[in-house]
Protein backbone atom coordinates (compact mmCIF):
# COMPACT_ATOMS: atom_id res chain seq x y z
CA MET A 1 0.00 0.00 0.00
CA ALA A 2 2.81 2.43 0.75
CA GLY A 3 3.97 2.27 -2.87
CA LEU A 4 0.52 3.17 -4.11
CA LYS A 5 0.30 6.12 -1.76
CA TYR A 6 3.74 7.27 -2.90
CA TYR A 7 2.63 7.01 -6.54
CA GLU A 8 -0.57 8.95 -5.83
CA ARG A 9 1.32 11.68 -3.99
CA THR A 10 3.87 11.93 -6.78
CA LYS A 11 1.10 12.18 -9.38
CA LEU A 12 -0.66 14.89 -7.36
CA LEU A 13 2.63 16.77 -6.96
CA ILE A 14 3.20 16.73 -10.72
CA GLU A 15 -0.32 18.07 -11.28
CA LEU A 16 0.20 20.84 -8.72
CA ILE A 17 3.54 21.80 -10.30
CA GLU A 18 1.96 21.93 -13.77
CA LYS A 19 -0.78 24.22 -12.41
CA LYS A 20 1.77 26.24 -10.39
CA LYS A 21 -0.25 25.71 -7.22
CA THR A 22 2.14 23.93 -4.88
CA GLY A 23 2.79 26.73 -2.42
CA GLY A 24 5.93 26.55 -0.32
CA PRO A 25 7.30 23.36 1.19
CA SER A 26 5.15 23.59 4.34
CA LYS A 27 1.92 24.20 2.41
CA LEU A 28 2.81 21.45 -0.02
CA ALA A 29 3.42 19.02 2.83
CA LYS A 30 -0.07 19.76 4.15
CA LYS A 31 -1.62 19.27 0.70
CA LEU A 32 0.12 15.91 0.30
CA GLN A 33 -0.49 14.99 3.96
CA VAL A 34 3.18 14.21 4.59
CA HIS A 35 6.10 15.69 6.49
CA LYS A 36 8.12 18.43 4.83
CA ARG A 37 11.11 16.08 4.57
CA THR A 38 8.99 13.67 2.50
CA VAL A 39 8.17 16.52 0.11
CA TYR A 40 11.90 17.06 -0.43
CA ARG A 41 12.42 13.32 -1.03
CA ILE A 42 9.64 13.18 -3.63
CA LEU A 43 11.00 16.30 -5.33
CA ASP A 44 14.49 14.76 -5.42
CA ASP A 45 13.10 11.58 -6.99
CA LEU A 46 11.23 13.63 -9.59
CA ARG A 47 14.33 15.66 -10.39
CA LEU A 48 16.27 12.46 -11.07
CA SER A 49 13.61 10.92 -13.30
CA SER A 50 12.27 14.01 -15.07
CA SER A 51 13.43 15.63 -18.28
CA HIS A 52 12.68 18.98 -16.62
CA GLU A 53 14.33 20.91 -13.83
CA ILE A 54 12.14 21.56 -10.82
CA ILE A 55 12.73 24.82 -8.97
CA TYR A 56 10.85 26.93 -6.44
CA CYS A 57 9.64 30.26 -7.85
CA LYS A 58 9.04 32.91 -5.18
CA ASP A 59 6.99 35.07 -7.57
CA SER A 60 4.38 32.38 -8.16
CA ASP A 61 4.86 30.79 -4.70
CA SER A 62 5.11 27.41 -6.37
CA TYR A 63 7.52 24.81 -7.64
CA ILE A 64 7.74 24.94 -11.43
CA PHE A 65 9.13 22.87 -14.29
CA LEU A 66 11.94 24.31 -16.43
CA GLU A 67 13.49 22.79 -19.53
CA LYS A 68 16.92 21.28 -18.81
CA ASN A 69 19.72 22.78 -20.85
């Protein structure tokens, strides 16, 4: 079951990033119902497997995807 929850959280995180509605790490942790450290772990996993960079944008108060150079 833990793997399924992880997959669901990762999918939700991707959707929130695409919509630019993640908020900061604390808000995002609440949305995903996990600890802030888990948010960082999921983001690290996504960064390794994604063809995009994932950064936090203060202007939009959200994590966003950027094309890797």
